[in-house]
């Protein structure tokens, strides 16, 4: 079984992963995360203060080498799935091989800050048995659900029509400070409405 849990930043995806793990750990569960996104050592950390150890991976094909030989694992949870380095063909090949061995729970962003879908997440949704799109509270107006990830560059909304590096985490990059906010549809339109 493949379950995808997706949505914008600050929607509670990592918190849900940790809750799923707590429910499944006694039944053989392991947590993995994209190496690119692990900024707290090897911990998946939620914005709510909870955390769980994760094994860093670049691809789902890295997972089998970490599975104990006693075959005691039945549930695979993957955080920041959208950042894995895989093609759609590789994703399908992986699930063709391992679909019936494990239940997979894939957590990650569905869209980038320009509202373009992350290709790998879209491919996972096409293969999934269950899809949950979640949203949190809008960081601008406080309403729910939030729907998009707003990138701030030096505290101003990023130009979504400009070509640039799509995948940047929160932080300082030379002379640009990057921060992300969760935003609802109404606030998005107020910021980016043309004319």
C-alpha atoms as a PDB file:
ATOM      1  CA  UNK A   1       0.000   0.000   0.000  1.00  0.00           C
ATOM      2  CA  UNK A   2       1.219   3.521  -0.796  1.00  0.00           C
ATOM      3  CA  UNK A   3      -0.129   6.484   1.175  1.00  0.00           C
ATOM      4  CA  UNK A   4       0.885  10.038   0.263  1.00  0.00           C
ATOM      5  CA  UNK A   5       0.471  12.865   2.782  1.00  0.00           C
ATOM      6  CA  UNK A   6       1.208  16.195   1.132  1.00  0.00           C
ATOM      7  CA  UNK A   7       0.591  19.927   1.318  1.00  0.00           C
ATOM      8  CA  UNK A   8       2.366  23.271   1.773  1.00  0.00           C
ATOM      9  CA  UNK A   9       4.992  24.220   4.357  1.00  0.00           C
ATOM     10  CA  UNK A  10       3.815  24.276   7.971  1.00  0.00           C
ATOM     11  CA  UNK A  11       0.834  22.024   7.273  1.00  0.00           C
ATOM     12  CA  UNK A  12       1.948  19.507   9.907  1.00  0.00           C
ATOM     13  CA  UNK A  13       3.384  16.818   7.602  1.00  0.00           C
ATOM     14  CA  UNK A  14       6.394  16.013   9.805  1.00  0.00           C
ATOM     15  CA  UNK A  15       4.157  16.040  12.891  1.00  0.00           C
ATOM     16  CA  UNK A  16       1.897  13.483  11.204  1.00  0.00           C
ATOM     17  CA  UNK A  17       4.867  11.343  10.201  1.00  0.00           C
ATOM     18  CA  UNK A  18       5.982  11.239  13.829  1.00  0.00           C
ATOM     19  CA  UNK A  19       2.430  10.374  14.975  1.00  0.00           C
ATOM     20  CA  UNK A  20       2.201   7.588  12.373  1.00  0.00           C
ATOM     21  CA  UNK A  21       5.573   6.254  13.502  1.00  0.00           C
ATOM     22  CA  UNK A  22       4.490   6.230  17.153  1.00  0.00           C
ATOM     23  CA  UNK A  23       1.426   4.185  16.179  1.00  0.00           C
ATOM     24  CA  UNK A  24       3.362   1.769  13.950  1.00  0.00           C
ATOM     25  CA  UNK A  25       6.748   1.359  15.660  1.00  0.00           C
ATOM     26  CA  UNK A  26       5.700  -1.718  17.605  1.00  0.00           C
ATOM     27  CA  UNK A  27       4.574  -3.311  14.335  1.00  0.00           C
ATOM     28  CA  UNK A  28       7.855  -2.875  12.461  1.00  0.00           C
ATOM     29  CA  UNK A  29       8.287   0.682  11.190  1.00  0.00           C
ATOM     30  CA  UNK A  30      11.334   2.598   9.964  1.00  0.00           C
ATOM     31  CA  UNK A  31      11.737   6.308   9.147  1.00  0.00           C
ATOM     32  CA  UNK A  32      13.790   7.658   6.252  1.00  0.00           C
ATOM     33  CA  UNK A  33      14.309  11.194   4.970  1.00  0.00           C
ATOM     34  CA  UNK A  34      15.879  12.954   2.032  1.00  0.00           C
ATOM     35  CA  UNK A  35      19.540  13.698   2.832  1.00  0.00           C
ATOM     36  CA  UNK A  36      19.046  17.156   1.351  1.00  0.00           C
ATOM     37  CA  UNK A  37      16.461  18.184   3.922  1.00  0.00           C
ATOM     38  CA  UNK A  38      17.927  16.781   7.141  1.00  0.00           C
ATOM     39  CA  UNK A  39      19.094  19.945   8.880  1.00  0.00           C
ATOM     40  CA  UNK A  40      18.881  18.587  12.453  1.00  0.00           C
ATOM     41  CA  UNK A  41      21.419  15.760  12.208  1.00  0.00           C
ATOM     42  CA  UNK A  42      19.431  12.627  11.494  1.00  0.00           C
ATOM     43  CA  UNK A  43      16.197  13.752  13.129  1.00  0.00           C
ATOM     44  CA  UNK A  44      12.898  14.588  11.495  1.00  0.00           C
ATOM     45  CA  UNK A  45      11.763  17.553  13.587  1.00  0.00           C
ATOM     46  CA  UNK A  46       8.259  18.980  13.549  1.00  0.00           C
ATOM     47  CA  UNK A  47       7.441  22.619  14.197  1.00  0.00           C
ATOM     48  CA  UNK A  48       5.573  21.355  17.275  1.00  0.00           C
ATOM     49  CA  UNK A  49       8.742  20.211  19.051  1.00  0.00           C
ATOM     50  CA  UNK A  50       8.457  16.483  18.376  1.00  0.00           C
ATOM     51  CA  UNK A  51      11.156  14.495  16.604  1.00  0.00           C
ATOM     52  CA  UNK A  52      12.159  11.019  15.485  1.00  0.00           C
ATOM     53  CA  UNK A  53      15.416   9.524  14.185  1.00  0.00           C
ATOM     54  CA  UNK A  54      15.571   9.052  10.439  1.00  0.00           C
ATOM     55  CA  UNK A  55      17.953   7.325   8.073  1.00  0.00           C
ATOM     56  CA  UNK A  56      19.175   9.741   5.379  1.00  0.00           C
ATOM     57  CA  UNK A  57      18.628   8.562   1.784  1.00  0.00           C
ATOM     58  CA  UNK A  58      18.986   9.931  -1.747  1.00  0.00           C
ATOM     59  CA  UNK A  59      16.616   7.418  -3.338  1.00  0.00           C
ATOM     60  CA  UNK A  60      14.078   4.816  -2.281  1.00  0.00           C
ATOM     61  CA  UNK A  61      16.562   2.260  -3.623  1.00  0.00           C
ATOM     62  CA  UNK A  62      18.771   3.114  -0.600  1.00  0.00           C
ATOM     63  CA  UNK A  63      16.130   1.667   1.751  1.00  0.00           C
ATOM     64  CA  UNK A  64      16.580  -2.116   1.263  1.00  0.00           C
ATOM     65  CA  UNK A  65      20.179  -2.035   2.527  1.00  0.00           C
ATOM     66  CA  UNK A  66      18.898  -0.680   5.870  1.00  0.00           C
ATOM     67  CA  UNK A  67      16.161  -3.277   6.404  1.00  0.00           C
ATOM     68  CA  UNK A  68      17.097  -5.842   9.091  1.00  0.00           C
ATOM     69  CA  UNK A  69      17.701  -9.348   7.773  1.00  0.00           C
ATOM     70  CA  UNK A  70      15.032 -10.756  10.111  1.00  0.00           C
ATOM     71  CA  UNK A  71      12.383  -9.084   7.891  1.00  0.00           C
ATOM     72  CA  UNK A  72      10.744  -7.437  10.920  1.00  0.00           C
ATOM     73  CA  UNK A  73       9.891  -4.222   9.072  1.00  0.00           C
ATOM     74  CA  UNK A  74       6.484  -3.776   7.458  1.00  0.00           C
ATOM     75  CA  UNK A  75       5.999   0.013   7.372  1.00  0.00           C
ATOM     76  CA  UNK A  76       8.306   2.501   5.614  1.00  0.00           C
ATOM     77  CA  UNK A  77       7.840   6.229   6.341  1.00  0.00           C
ATOM     78  CA  UNK A  78       9.679   8.769   4.175  1.00  0.00           C
ATOM     79  CA  UNK A  79       9.918  12.482   5.013  1.00  0.00           C
ATOM     80  CA  UNK A  80      10.600  15.227   2.434  1.00  0.00           C
ATOM     81  CA  UNK A  81       9.906  12.730  -0.313  1.00  0.00           C
ATOM     82  CA  UNK A  82       9.823  15.447  -3.013  1.00  0.00           C
ATOM     83  CA  UNK A  83      13.607  15.957  -2.645  1.00  0.00           C
ATOM     84  CA  UNK A  84      14.631  12.368  -3.423  1.00  0.00           C
ATOM     85  CA  UNK A  85      16.811  11.998  -6.493  1.00  0.00           C
ATOM     86  CA  UNK A  86      14.736   9.659  -8.635  1.00  0.00           C
ATOM     87  CA  UNK A  87      13.020   9.691 -11.993  1.00  0.00           C
ATOM     88  CA  UNK A  88       9.410   8.649 -12.509  1.00  0.00           C
ATOM     89  CA  UNK A  89      10.641   5.450 -14.170  1.00  0.00           C
ATOM     90  CA  UNK A  90      12.852   4.621 -11.187  1.00  0.00           C
ATOM     91  CA  UNK A  91       9.964   5.288  -8.819  1.00  0.00           C
ATOM     92  CA  UNK A  92       7.722   2.889 -10.724  1.00  0.00           C
ATOM     93  CA  UNK A  93      10.502   0.272 -10.878  1.00  0.00           C
ATOM     94  CA  UNK A  94      10.980   0.519  -7.101  1.00  0.00           C
ATOM     95  CA  UNK A  95       7.282   0.054  -6.352  1.00  0.00           C
ATOM     96  CA  UNK A  96       7.010  -2.741  -8.938  1.00  0.00           C
ATOM     97  CA  UNK A  97       9.610  -4.575  -6.850  1.00  0.00           C
ATOM     98  CA  UNK A  98       8.645  -3.659  -3.257  1.00  0.00           C
ATOM     99  CA  UNK A  99       4.946  -2.742  -3.266  1.00  0.00           C
ATOM    100  CA  UNK A 100       3.788  -6.048  -1.766  1.00  0.00           C
ATOM    101  CA  UNK A 101       6.511  -6.200   0.895  1.00  0.00           C
ATOM    102  CA  UNK A 102       5.834  -2.956   2.804  1.00  0.00           C
ATOM    103  CA  UNK A 103       3.266  -0.275   3.465  1.00  0.00           C
ATOM    104  CA  UNK A 104       4.742   3.036   2.345  1.00  0.00           C
ATOM    105  CA  UNK A 105       3.886   6.441   3.825  1.00  0.00           C
ATOM    106  CA  UNK A 106       5.343   9.295   1.763  1.00  0.00           C
ATOM    107  CA  UNK A 107       5.328  12.804   3.270  1.00  0.00           C
ATOM    108  CA  UNK A 108       6.295  15.975   1.427  1.00  0.00           C
ATOM    109  CA  UNK A 109       5.471  19.179  -0.394  1.00  0.00           C
ATOM    110  CA  UNK A 110       3.097  18.897  -3.325  1.00  0.00           C
ATOM    111  CA  UNK A 111       4.074  22.240  -4.940  1.00  0.00           C
ATOM    112  CA  UNK A 112       7.014  24.609  -4.974  1.00  0.00           C
ATOM    113  CA  UNK A 113       6.745  28.313  -4.098  1.00  0.00           C
ATOM    114  CA  UNK A 114       5.636  29.129  -7.669  1.00  0.00           C
ATOM    115  CA  UNK A 115       2.775  26.589  -7.344  1.00  0.00           C
ATOM    116  CA  UNK A 116       4.390  24.148  -9.776  1.00  0.00           C
ATOM    117  CA  UNK A 117       3.963  20.515  -8.731  1.00  0.00           C
ATOM    118  CA  UNK A 118       7.024  18.625  -7.594  1.00  0.00           C
ATOM    119  CA  UNK A 119       7.338  16.004 -10.324  1.00  0.00           C
ATOM    120  CA  UNK A 120       8.336  13.153  -8.010  1.00  0.00           C
ATOM    121  CA  UNK A 121       5.423  13.854  -5.653  1.00  0.00           C
ATOM    122  CA  UNK A 122       3.003  13.993  -8.588  1.00  0.00           C
ATOM    123  CA  UNK A 123       4.299  10.625  -9.781  1.00  0.00           C
ATOM    124  CA  UNK A 124       3.901   9.166  -6.294  1.00  0.00           C
ATOM    125  CA  UNK A 125       0.317  10.428  -6.145  1.00  0.00           C
ATOM    126  CA  UNK A 126      -0.411   8.705  -9.463  1.00  0.00           C
ATOM    127  CA  UNK A 127       0.832   5.410  -7.981  1.00  0.00           C
ATOM    128  CA  UNK A 128      -0.728   5.873  -4.525  1.00  0.00           C
ATOM    129  CA  UNK A 129      -3.611   3.962  -2.985  1.00  0.00           C
ATOM    130  CA  UNK A 130      -4.416   6.837  -0.595  1.00  0.00           C
ATOM    131  CA  UNK A 131      -3.739  10.574  -0.881  1.00  0.00           C
ATOM    132  CA  UNK A 132      -4.213  13.127   1.892  1.00  0.00           C
ATOM    133  CA  UNK A 133      -3.704  16.801   1.054  1.00  0.00           C
ATOM    134  CA  UNK A 134      -3.433  18.765   4.279  1.00  0.00           C
ATOM    135  CA  UNK A 135      -3.161  22.456   5.107  1.00  0.00           C
ATOM    136  CA  UNK A 136      -2.386  24.404   8.233  1.00  0.00           C
ATOM    137  CA  UNK A 137      -3.195  27.971   9.186  1.00  0.00           C
ATOM    138  CA  UNK A 138      -2.311  30.820   6.842  1.00  0.00           C
ATOM    139  CA  UNK A 139       0.650  32.771   8.255  1.00  0.00           C
ATOM    140  CA  UNK A 140      -0.794  35.990   6.809  1.00  0.00           C
ATOM    141  CA  UNK A 141      -4.473  36.028   7.838  1.00  0.00           C
ATOM    142  CA  UNK A 142      -4.648  33.087  10.258  1.00  0.00           C
ATOM    143  CA  UNK A 143      -7.449  31.342   8.380  1.00  0.00           C
ATOM    144  CA  UNK A 144      -7.337  27.708   7.335  1.00  0.00           C
ATOM    145  CA  UNK A 145      -6.614  25.835   5.298  1.00  0.00           C
ATOM    146  CA  UNK A 146      -3.326  27.107   3.992  1.00  0.00           C
ATOM    147  CA  UNK A 147      -2.811  25.936   0.442  1.00  0.00           C
ATOM    148  CA  UNK A 148       0.534  27.211  -0.860  1.00  0.00           C
ATOM    149  CA  UNK A 149       4.126  27.784   0.226  1.00  0.00           C
ATOM    150  CA  UNK A 150       5.068  31.463   0.025  1.00  0.00           C
ATOM    151  CA  UNK A 151       8.794  32.123  -0.362  1.00  0.00           C
ATOM    152  CA  UNK A 152      10.097  35.315   1.172  1.00  0.00           C
ATOM    153  CA  UNK A 153      13.387  36.705  -0.093  1.00  0.00           C
ATOM    154  CA  UNK A 154      14.750  39.295   2.327  1.00  0.00           C
ATOM    155  CA  UNK A 155      11.249  39.460   3.873  1.00  0.00           C
ATOM    156  CA  UNK A 156       9.502  40.208   0.537  1.00  0.00           C
ATOM    157  CA  UNK A 157       7.415  37.772  -1.548  1.00  0.00           C
ATOM    158  CA  UNK A 158       9.588  36.119  -4.210  1.00  0.00           C
ATOM    159  CA  UNK A 159       9.053  36.936  -7.884  1.00  0.00           C
ATOM    160  CA  UNK A 160       7.237  33.838  -9.131  1.00  0.00           C
ATOM    161  CA  UNK A 161       7.761  34.769 -12.787  1.00  0.00           C
ATOM    162  CA  UNK A 162      11.551  34.924 -12.467  1.00  0.00           C
ATOM    163  CA  UNK A 163      13.684  31.886 -13.278  1.00  0.00           C
ATOM    164  CA  UNK A 164      15.780  30.885 -10.308  1.00  0.00           C
ATOM    165  CA  UNK A 165      16.758  28.074  -7.996  1.00  0.00           C
ATOM    166  CA  UNK A 166      13.527  26.397  -6.955  1.00  0.00           C
ATOM    167  CA  UNK A 167      14.838  24.219  -4.152  1.00  0.00           C
ATOM    168  CA  UNK A 168      16.232  26.328  -1.323  1.00  0.00           C
ATOM    169  CA  UNK A 169      15.691  25.651   2.359  1.00  0.00           C
ATOM    170  CA  UNK A 170      15.139  28.367   4.985  1.00  0.00           C
ATOM    171  CA  UNK A 171      18.386  30.227   5.593  1.00  0.00           C
ATOM    172  CA  UNK A 172      20.999  32.681   4.343  1.00  0.00           C
ATOM    173  CA  UNK A 173      22.313  32.444   0.774  1.00  0.00           C
ATOM    174  CA  UNK A 174      25.004  35.057   0.032  1.00  0.00           C
ATOM    175  CA  UNK A 175      23.009  38.311   0.169  1.00  0.00           C
ATOM    176  CA  UNK A 176      19.533  36.723   0.280  1.00  0.00           C
ATOM    177  CA  UNK A 177      17.647  35.470   3.341  1.00  0.00           C
ATOM    178  CA  UNK A 178      15.086  32.783   2.457  1.00  0.00           C
ATOM    179  CA  UNK A 179      12.056  32.089   4.615  1.00  0.00           C
ATOM    180  CA  UNK A 180       8.802  30.265   3.873  1.00  0.00           C
ATOM    181  CA  UNK A 181       5.273  30.917   5.045  1.00  0.00           C
ATOM    182  CA  UNK A 182       2.119  28.897   4.673  1.00  0.00           C
ATOM    183  CA  UNK A 183      -0.539  30.872   2.819  1.00  0.00           C
ATOM    184  CA  UNK A 184      -4.201  30.528   1.864  1.00  0.00           C
ATOM    185  CA  UNK A 185      -5.698  31.075  -1.579  1.00  0.00           C
ATOM    186  CA  UNK A 186      -7.128  34.528  -0.754  1.00  0.00           C
ATOM    187  CA  UNK A 187      -3.818  35.871   0.553  1.00  0.00           C
ATOM    188  CA  UNK A 188      -1.955  34.409  -2.429  1.00  0.00           C
ATOM    189  CA  UNK A 189      -4.270  36.283  -4.794  1.00  0.00           C
ATOM    190  CA  UNK A 190      -3.824  39.542  -2.875  1.00  0.00           C
ATOM    191  CA  UNK A 191      -0.042  39.285  -3.189  1.00  0.00           C
ATOM    192  CA  UNK A 192       0.238  38.011  -6.759  1.00  0.00           C
ATOM    193  CA  UNK A 193      -2.941  39.270  -8.446  1.00  0.00           C
ATOM    194  CA  UNK A 194      -2.103  40.950 -11.765  1.00  0.00           C
ATOM    195  CA  UNK A 195      -3.644  44.307 -12.793  1.00  0.00           C
END
